[in-house]
Amino acid sequence: ILTFLTFSVISYSVFADLKVLVGYNSQDPV
């Protein structure tokens, strides 16, 4: 969980133009 949270914070800050998938019913990356 800690690794994933760290991954998310770092990665999201890298991509300014991240494409958001509206309506995607995300549960977990796996």
PDB file of all heavy atoms in Angstrom:
ATOM      1  N   ILE A   1       0.830  -1.202   0.000  1.00  0.00           N
ATOM      2  CA  ILE A   1       0.000   0.000   0.000  1.00  0.00           C
ATOM      3  C   ILE A   1       0.866   1.255   0.000  1.00  0.00           C
ATOM      4  O   ILE A   1       0.634   2.191  -0.762  1.00  0.00           O
ATOM      5  CB  ILE A   1      -0.948   0.015   1.215  1.00  0.00           C
ATOM      6  CG1 ILE A   1      -1.978  -1.120   1.078  1.00  0.00           C
ATOM      7  CG2 ILE A   1      -1.657   1.351   1.329  1.00  0.00           C
ATOM      8  CD1 ILE A   1      -2.845  -1.305   2.304  1.00  0.00           C
ATOM      9  N   LEU A   2       1.925   1.258   0.839  1.00  0.00           N
ATOM     10  CA  LEU A   2       2.825   2.409   0.920  1.00  0.00           C
ATOM     11  C   LEU A   2       3.524   2.639  -0.421  1.00  0.00           C
ATOM     12  O   LEU A   2       3.649   3.781  -0.880  1.00  0.00           O
ATOM     13  CB  LEU A   2       3.862   2.180   2.026  1.00  0.00           C
ATOM     14  CG  LEU A   2       4.882   3.319   2.237  1.00  0.00           C
ATOM     15  CD1 LEU A   2       4.167   4.611   2.609  1.00  0.00           C
ATOM     16  CD2 LEU A   2       5.891   2.922   3.306  1.00  0.00           C
ATOM     17  N   THR A   3       3.967   1.534  -1.044  1.00  0.00           N
ATOM     18  CA  THR A   3       4.647   1.639  -2.336  1.00  0.00           C
ATOM     19  C   THR A   3       3.726   2.224  -3.382  1.00  0.00           C
ATOM     20  O   THR A   3       4.113   3.094  -4.164  1.00  0.00           O
ATOM     21  CB  THR A   3       5.137   0.248  -2.799  1.00  0.00           C
ATOM     22  OG1 THR A   3       6.043  -0.263  -1.827  1.00  0.00           O
ATOM     23  CG2 THR A   3       5.837   0.343  -4.149  1.00  0.00           C
ATOM     24  N   PHE A   4       2.466   1.760  -3.393  1.00  0.00           N
ATOM     25  CA  PHE A   4       1.515   2.245  -4.380  1.00  0.00           C
ATOM     26  C   PHE A   4       1.199   3.722  -4.165  1.00  0.00           C
ATOM     27  O   PHE A   4       1.125   4.503  -5.108  1.00  0.00           O
ATOM     28  CB  PHE A   4       0.224   1.422  -4.355  1.00  0.00           C
ATOM     29  CG  PHE A   4      -0.825   1.953  -5.277  1.00  0.00           C
ATOM     30  CD1 PHE A   4      -0.646   1.891  -6.650  1.00  0.00           C
ATOM     31  CD2 PHE A   4      -1.976   2.541  -4.781  1.00  0.00           C
ATOM     32  CE1 PHE A   4      -1.594   2.386  -7.526  1.00  0.00           C
ATOM     33  CE2 PHE A   4      -2.939   3.047  -5.644  1.00  0.00           C
ATOM     34  CZ  PHE A   4      -2.746   2.965  -7.016  1.00  0.00           C
ATOM     35  N   LEU A   5       1.031   4.118  -2.897  1.00  0.00           N
ATOM     36  CA  LEU A   5       0.712   5.515  -2.617  1.00  0.00           C
ATOM     37  C   LEU A   5       1.869   6.421  -3.037  1.00  0.00           C
ATOM     38  O   LEU A   5       1.675   7.485  -3.625  1.00  0.00           O
ATOM     39  CB  LEU A   5       0.404   5.700  -1.129  1.00  0.00           C
ATOM     40  CG  LEU A   5      -0.927   5.100  -0.649  1.00  0.00           C
ATOM     41  CD1 LEU A   5      -1.039   5.231   0.859  1.00  0.00           C
ATOM     42  CD2 LEU A   5      -2.111   5.766  -1.337  1.00  0.00           C
ATOM     43  N   THR A   6       3.097   5.991  -2.727  1.00  0.00           N
ATOM     44  CA  THR A   6       4.282   6.753  -3.117  1.00  0.00           C
ATOM     45  C   THR A   6       4.372   6.850  -4.630  1.00  0.00           C
ATOM     46  O   THR A   6       4.639   7.904  -5.206  1.00  0.00           O
ATOM     47  CB  THR A   6       5.564   6.086  -2.565  1.00  0.00           C
ATOM     48  OG1 THR A   6       5.434   5.963  -1.154  1.00  0.00           O
ATOM     49  CG2 THR A   6       6.788   6.910  -2.916  1.00  0.00           C
ATOM     50  N   PHE A   7       4.118   5.724  -5.286  1.00  0.00           N
ATOM     51  CA  PHE A   7       4.143   5.643  -6.745  1.00  0.00           C
ATOM     52  C   PHE A   7       3.153   6.626  -7.344  1.00  0.00           C
ATOM     53  O   PHE A   7       3.455   7.363  -8.266  1.00  0.00           O
ATOM     54  CB  PHE A   7       3.795   4.207  -7.165  1.00  0.00           C
ATOM     55  CG  PHE A   7       3.469   4.048  -8.618  1.00  0.00           C
ATOM     56  CD1 PHE A   7       4.471   3.882  -9.553  1.00  0.00           C
ATOM     57  CD2 PHE A   7       2.147   4.048  -9.052  1.00  0.00           C
ATOM     58  CE1 PHE A   7       4.180   3.717 -10.899  1.00  0.00           C
ATOM     59  CE2 PHE A   7       1.846   3.883 -10.380  1.00  0.00           C
ATOM     60  CZ  PHE A   7       2.866   3.721 -11.305  1.00  0.00           C
ATOM     61  N   SER A   8       1.948   6.666  -6.772  1.00  0.00           N
ATOM     62  CA  SER A   8       0.887   7.518  -7.298  1.00  0.00           C
ATOM     63  C   SER A   8       1.260   8.987  -7.177  1.00  0.00           C
ATOM     64  O   SER A   8       1.096   9.765  -8.109  1.00  0.00           O
ATOM     65  CB  SER A   8      -0.426   7.258  -6.558  1.00  0.00           C
ATOM     66  OG  SER A   8      -0.830   5.918  -6.728  1.00  0.00           O
ATOM     67  N   VAL A   9       1.775   9.393  -5.993  1.00  0.00           N
ATOM     68  CA  VAL A   9       2.120  10.799  -5.768  1.00  0.00           C
ATOM     69  C   VAL A   9       3.222  11.244  -6.720  1.00  0.00           C
ATOM     70  O   VAL A   9       3.129  12.289  -7.368  1.00  0.00           O
ATOM     71  CB  VAL A   9       2.569  11.015  -4.304  1.00  0.00           C
ATOM     72  CG1 VAL A   9       3.126  12.406  -4.131  1.00  0.00           C
ATOM     73  CG2 VAL A   9       1.384  10.786  -3.361  1.00  0.00           C
ATOM     74  N   ILE A  10       4.269  10.431  -6.827  1.00  0.00           N
ATOM     75  CA  ILE A  10       5.391  10.798  -7.690  1.00  0.00           C
ATOM     76  C   ILE A  10       4.960  10.840  -9.142  1.00  0.00           C
ATOM     77  O   ILE A  10       5.229  11.790  -9.871  1.00  0.00           O
ATOM     78  CB  ILE A  10       6.563   9.796  -7.514  1.00  0.00           C
ATOM     79  CG1 ILE A  10       7.123   9.881  -6.096  1.00  0.00           C
ATOM     80  CG2 ILE A  10       7.656  10.069  -8.533  1.00  0.00           C
ATOM     81  CD1 ILE A  10       8.174   8.842  -5.785  1.00  0.00           C
ATOM     82  N   SER A  11       4.225   9.792  -9.604  1.00  0.00           N
ATOM     83  CA  SER A  11       3.888   9.673 -11.007  1.00  0.00           C
ATOM     84  C   SER A  11       2.927  10.755 -11.449  1.00  0.00           C
ATOM     85  O   SER A  11       3.065  11.326 -12.525  1.00  0.00           O
ATOM     86  CB  SER A  11       3.280   8.282 -11.276  1.00  0.00           C
ATOM     87  OG  SER A  11       4.216   7.284 -10.951  1.00  0.00           O
ATOM     88  N   TYR A  12       1.917  11.036 -10.633  1.00  0.00           N
ATOM     89  CA  TYR A  12       0.946  12.046 -11.019  1.00  0.00           C
ATOM     90  C   TYR A  12       1.602  13.415 -11.158  1.00  0.00           C
ATOM     91  O   TYR A  12       1.194  14.218 -11.986  1.00  0.00           O
ATOM     92  CB  TYR A  12      -0.193  12.110  -9.993  1.00  0.00           C
ATOM     93  CG  TYR A  12      -1.311  11.169 -10.297  1.00  0.00           C
ATOM     94  CD1 TYR A  12      -1.189   9.817  -9.996  1.00  0.00           C
ATOM     95  CD2 TYR A  12      -2.477  11.620 -10.897  1.00  0.00           C
ATOM     96  CE1 TYR A  12      -2.216   8.935 -10.287  1.00  0.00           C
ATOM     97  CE2 TYR A  12      -3.517  10.738 -11.184  1.00  0.00           C
ATOM     98  CZ  TYR A  12      -3.388   9.395 -10.879  1.00  0.00           C
ATOM     99  OH  TYR A  12      -4.396   8.519 -11.171  1.00  0.00           O
ATOM    100  N   SER A  13       2.621  13.695 -10.346  1.00  0.00           N
ATOM    101  CA  SER A  13       3.285  14.990 -10.425  1.00  0.00           C
ATOM    102  C   SER A  13       4.140  15.111 -11.674  1.00  0.00           C
ATOM    103  O   SER A  13       4.428  16.210 -12.135  1.00  0.00           O
ATOM    104  CB  SER A  13       4.164  15.194  -9.185  1.00  0.00           C
ATOM    105  OG  SER A  13       5.221  14.251  -9.159  1.00  0.00           O
ATOM    106  N   VAL A  14       4.545  13.975 -12.250  1.00  0.00           N
ATOM    107  CA  VAL A  14       5.389  13.983 -13.431  1.00  0.00           C
ATOM    108  C   VAL A  14       4.591  14.338 -14.680  1.00  0.00           C
ATOM    109  O   VAL A  14       5.056  15.062 -15.543  1.00  0.00           O
ATOM    110  CB  VAL A  14       6.067  12.600 -13.610  1.00  0.00           C
ATOM    111  CG1 VAL A  14       6.737  12.498 -14.972  1.00  0.00           C
ATOM    112  CG2 VAL A  14       7.074  12.355 -12.500  1.00  0.00           C
ATOM    113  N   PHE A  15       3.354  13.833 -14.769  1.00  0.00           N
ATOM    114  CA  PHE A  15       2.561  14.010 -15.970  1.00  0.00           C
ATOM    115  C   PHE A  15       1.549  15.134 -15.795  1.00  0.00           C
ATOM    116  O   PHE A  15       0.508  14.973 -15.171  1.00  0.00           O
ATOM    117  CB  PHE A  15       1.843  12.706 -16.324  1.00  0.00           C
ATOM    118  CG  PHE A  15       2.768  11.661 -16.879  1.00  0.00           C
ATOM    119  CD1 PHE A  15       3.442  10.789 -16.036  1.00  0.00           C
ATOM    120  CD2 PHE A  15       2.995  11.574 -18.238  1.00  0.00           C
ATOM    121  CE1 PHE A  15       4.312   9.844 -16.549  1.00  0.00           C
ATOM    122  CE2 PHE A  15       3.864  10.625 -18.765  1.00  0.00           C
ATOM    123  CZ  PHE A  15       4.530   9.758 -17.923  1.00  0.00           C
ATOM    124  N   ALA A  16       1.872  16.281 -16.388  1.00  0.00           N
ATOM    125  CA  ALA A  16       0.964  17.423 -16.308  1.00  0.00           C
ATOM    126  C   ALA A  16      -0.254  17.214 -17.202  1.00  0.00           C
ATOM    127  O   ALA A  16      -1.341  17.697 -16.913  1.00  0.00           O
ATOM    128  CB  ALA A  16       1.701  18.686 -16.720  1.00  0.00           C
ATOM    129  N   ASP A  17      -0.055  16.465 -18.306  1.00  0.00           N
ATOM    130  CA  ASP A  17      -1.128  16.257 -19.276  1.00  0.00           C
ATOM    131  C   ASP A  17      -1.695  14.848 -19.168  1.00  0.00           C
ATOM    132  O   ASP A  17      -1.870  14.154 -20.162  1.00  0.00           O
ATOM    133  CB  ASP A  17      -0.603  16.518 -20.688  1.00  0.00           C
ATOM    134  CG  ASP A  17      -1.726  16.562 -21.717  1.00  0.00           C
ATOM    135  OD1 ASP A  17      -2.850  16.925 -21.339  1.00  0.00           O
ATOM    136  OD2 ASP A  17      -1.466  16.213 -22.885  1.00  0.00           O
ATOM    137  N   LEU A  18      -1.969  14.396 -17.959  1.00  0.00           N
ATOM    138  CA  LEU A  18      -2.501  13.056 -17.731  1.00  0.00           C
ATOM    139  C   LEU A  18      -3.928  12.974 -18.273  1.00  0.00           C
ATOM    140  O   LEU A  18      -4.763  13.824 -17.973  1.00  0.00           O
ATOM    141  CB  LEU A  18      -2.497  12.756 -16.233  1.00  0.00           C
ATOM    142  CG  LEU A  18      -2.581  11.293 -15.793  1.00  0.00           C
ATOM    143  CD1 LEU A  18      -1.361  10.522 -16.249  1.00  0.00           C
ATOM    144  CD2 LEU A  18      -2.693  11.225 -14.274  1.00  0.00           C
ATOM    145  N   LYS A  19      -4.208  11.961 -19.086  1.00  0.00           N
ATOM    146  CA  LYS A  19      -5.540  11.793 -19.662  1.00  0.00           C
ATOM    147  C   LYS A  19      -6.459  11.134 -18.637  1.00  0.00           C
ATOM    148  O   LYS A  19      -6.211  10.011 -18.196  1.00  0.00           O
ATOM    149  CB  LYS A  19      -5.477  10.935 -20.927  1.00  0.00           C
ATOM    150  CG  LYS A  19      -4.576  11.493 -22.027  1.00  0.00           C
ATOM    151  CD  LYS A  19      -5.052  12.840 -22.516  1.00  0.00           C
ATOM    152  CE  LYS A  19      -4.119  13.384 -23.586  1.00  0.00           C
ATOM    153  NZ  LYS A  19      -4.473  14.755 -23.986  1.00  0.00           N
ATOM    154  N   VAL A  20      -7.513  11.811 -18.257  1.00  0.00           N
ATOM    155  CA  VAL A  20      -8.444  11.317 -17.243  1.00  0.00           C
ATOM    156  C   VAL A  20      -9.561  10.526 -17.922  1.00  0.00           C
ATOM    157  O   VAL A  20     -10.232  11.032 -18.829  1.00  0.00           O
ATOM    158  CB  VAL A  20      -9.048  12.479 -16.432  1.00  0.00           C
ATOM    159  CG1 VAL A  20     -10.068  11.957 -15.425  1.00  0.00           C
ATOM    160  CG2 VAL A  20      -7.941  13.257 -15.720  1.00  0.00           C
ATOM    161  N   LEU A  21      -9.750   9.292 -17.496  1.00  0.00           N
ATOM    162  CA  LEU A  21     -10.806   8.438 -18.054  1.00  0.00           C
ATOM    163  C   LEU A  21     -12.070   8.632 -17.228  1.00  0.00           C
ATOM    164  O   LEU A  21     -12.244   8.017 -16.172  1.00  0.00           O
ATOM    165  CB  LEU A  21     -10.366   6.974 -18.043  1.00  0.00           C
ATOM    166  CG  LEU A  21      -9.142   6.638 -18.912  1.00  0.00           C
ATOM    167  CD1 LEU A  21      -8.795   5.160 -18.788  1.00  0.00           C
ATOM    168  CD2 LEU A  21      -9.386   7.012 -20.372  1.00  0.00           C
ATOM    169  N   VAL A  22     -12.937   9.486 -17.698  1.00  0.00           N
ATOM    170  CA  VAL A  22     -14.171   9.808 -16.985  1.00  0.00           C
ATOM    171  C   VAL A  22     -15.100   8.589 -16.968  1.00  0.00           C
ATOM    172  O   VAL A  22     -15.313   7.945 -17.994  1.00  0.00           O
ATOM    173  CB  VAL A  22     -14.890  10.999 -17.656  1.00  0.00           C
ATOM    174  CG1 VAL A  22     -16.196  11.311 -16.941  1.00  0.00           C
ATOM    175  CG2 VAL A  22     -13.975  12.215 -17.674  1.00  0.00           C
ATOM    176  N   GLY A  23     -15.614   8.264 -15.779  1.00  0.00           N
ATOM    177  CA  GLY A  23     -16.557   7.161 -15.652  1.00  0.00           C
ATOM    178  C   GLY A  23     -15.930   5.789 -15.527  1.00  0.00           C
ATOM    179  O   GLY A  23     -16.639   4.780 -15.483  1.00  0.00           O
ATOM    180  N   TYR A  24     -14.590   5.742 -15.467  1.00  0.00           N
ATOM    181  CA  TYR A  24     -13.919   4.445 -15.304  1.00  0.00           C
ATOM    182  C   TYR A  24     -14.069   3.993 -13.852  1.00  0.00           C
ATOM    183  O   TYR A  24     -13.611   4.667 -12.928  1.00  0.00           O
ATOM    184  CB  TYR A  24     -12.442   4.564 -15.669  1.00  0.00           C
ATOM    185  CG  TYR A  24     -11.696   3.245 -15.681  1.00  0.00           C
ATOM    186  CD1 TYR A  24     -11.589   2.500 -16.847  1.00  0.00           C
ATOM    187  CD2 TYR A  24     -11.094   2.752 -14.530  1.00  0.00           C
ATOM    188  CE1 TYR A  24     -10.904   1.292 -16.877  1.00  0.00           C
ATOM    189  CE2 TYR A  24     -10.401   1.555 -14.540  1.00  0.00           C
ATOM    190  CZ  TYR A  24     -10.310   0.826 -15.714  1.00  0.00           C
ATOM    191  OH  TYR A  24      -9.620  -0.372 -15.725  1.00  0.00           O
ATOM    192  N   ASN A  25     -14.718   2.869 -13.654  1.00  0.00           N
ATOM    193  CA  ASN A  25     -15.032   2.387 -12.303  1.00  0.00           C
ATOM    194  C   ASN A  25     -13.834   1.637 -11.725  1.00  0.00           C
ATOM    195  O   ASN A  25     -13.836   0.415 -11.607  1.00  0.00           O
ATOM    196  CB  ASN A  25     -16.269   1.486 -12.354  1.00  0.00           C
ATOM    197  CG  ASN A  25     -16.809   1.157 -10.967  1.00  0.00           C
ATOM    198  OD1 ASN A  25     -16.390   1.751  -9.972  1.00  0.00           O
ATOM    199  ND2 ASN A  25     -17.723   0.217 -10.891  1.00  0.00           N
ATOM    200  N   SER A  26     -12.785   2.392 -11.366  1.00  0.00           N
ATOM    201  CA  SER A  26     -11.541   1.795 -10.905  1.00  0.00           C
ATOM    202  C   SER A  26     -11.693   1.173  -9.519  1.00  0.00           C
ATOM    203  O   SER A  26     -12.314   1.753  -8.632  1.00  0.00           O
ATOM    204  CB  SER A  26     -10.439   2.850 -10.873  1.00  0.00           C
ATOM    205  OG  SER A  26      -9.213   2.284 -10.455  1.00  0.00           O
ATOM    206  N   GLN A  27     -11.102  -0.014  -9.336  1.00  0.00           N
ATOM    207  CA  GLN A  27     -11.100  -0.696  -8.041  1.00  0.00           C
ATOM    208  C   GLN A  27      -9.691  -0.743  -7.457  1.00  0.00           C
ATOM    209  O   GLN A  27      -9.458  -0.409  -6.303  1.00  0.00           O
ATOM    210  CB  GLN A  27     -11.651  -2.116  -8.205  1.00  0.00           C
ATOM    211  CG  GLN A  27     -13.111  -2.158  -8.637  1.00  0.00           C
ATOM    212  CD  GLN A  27     -13.543  -3.552  -9.089  1.00  0.00           C
ATOM    213  OE1 GLN A  27     -13.795  -3.782 -10.254  1.00  0.00           O
ATOM    214  NE2 GLN A  27     -13.623  -4.479  -8.148  1.00  0.00           N
ATOM    215  N   ASP A  28      -8.751  -1.152  -8.285  1.00  0.00           N
ATOM    216  CA  ASP A  28      -7.354  -1.309  -7.898  1.00  0.00           C
ATOM    217  C   ASP A  28      -6.595  -1.588  -9.188  1.00  0.00           C
ATOM    218  O   ASP A  28      -7.138  -2.246 -10.087  1.00  0.00           O
ATOM    219  CB  ASP A  28      -7.206  -2.486  -6.922  1.00  0.00           C
ATOM    220  CG  ASP A  28      -5.760  -2.781  -6.592  1.00  0.00           C
ATOM    221  OD1 ASP A  28      -5.125  -3.551  -7.352  1.00  0.00           O
ATOM    222  OD2 ASP A  28      -5.266  -2.235  -5.607  1.00  0.00           O
ATOM    223  N   PRO A  29      -5.374  -1.097  -9.342  1.00  0.00           N
ATOM    224  CA  PRO A  29      -4.637  -1.329 -10.593  1.00  0.00           C
ATOM    225  C   PRO A  29      -4.534  -2.801 -10.983  1.00  0.00           C
ATOM    226  O   PRO A  29      -4.556  -3.127 -12.169  1.00  0.00           O
ATOM    227  CB  PRO A  29      -3.257  -0.739 -10.296  1.00  0.00           C
ATOM    228  CG  PRO A  29      -3.507   0.314  -9.283  1.00  0.00           C
ATOM    229  CD  PRO A  29      -4.620  -0.225  -8.423  1.00  0.00           C
ATOM    230  N   VAL A  30      -4.410  -3.681  -9.981  1.00  0.00           N
ATOM    231  CA  VAL A  30      -4.300  -5.111 -10.284  1.00  0.00           C
ATOM    232  C   VAL A  30      -5.646  -5.674 -10.729  1.00  0.00           C
ATOM    233  O   VAL A  30      -5.755  -6.353 -11.752  1.00  0.00           O
ATOM    234  CB  VAL A  30      -3.768  -5.887  -9.062  1.00  0.00           C
ATOM    235  CG1 VAL A  30      -3.657  -7.367  -9.387  1.00  0.00           C
ATOM    236  CG2 VAL A  30      -2.420  -5.338  -8.625  1.00  0.00           C
TER     237      VAL A  30
END
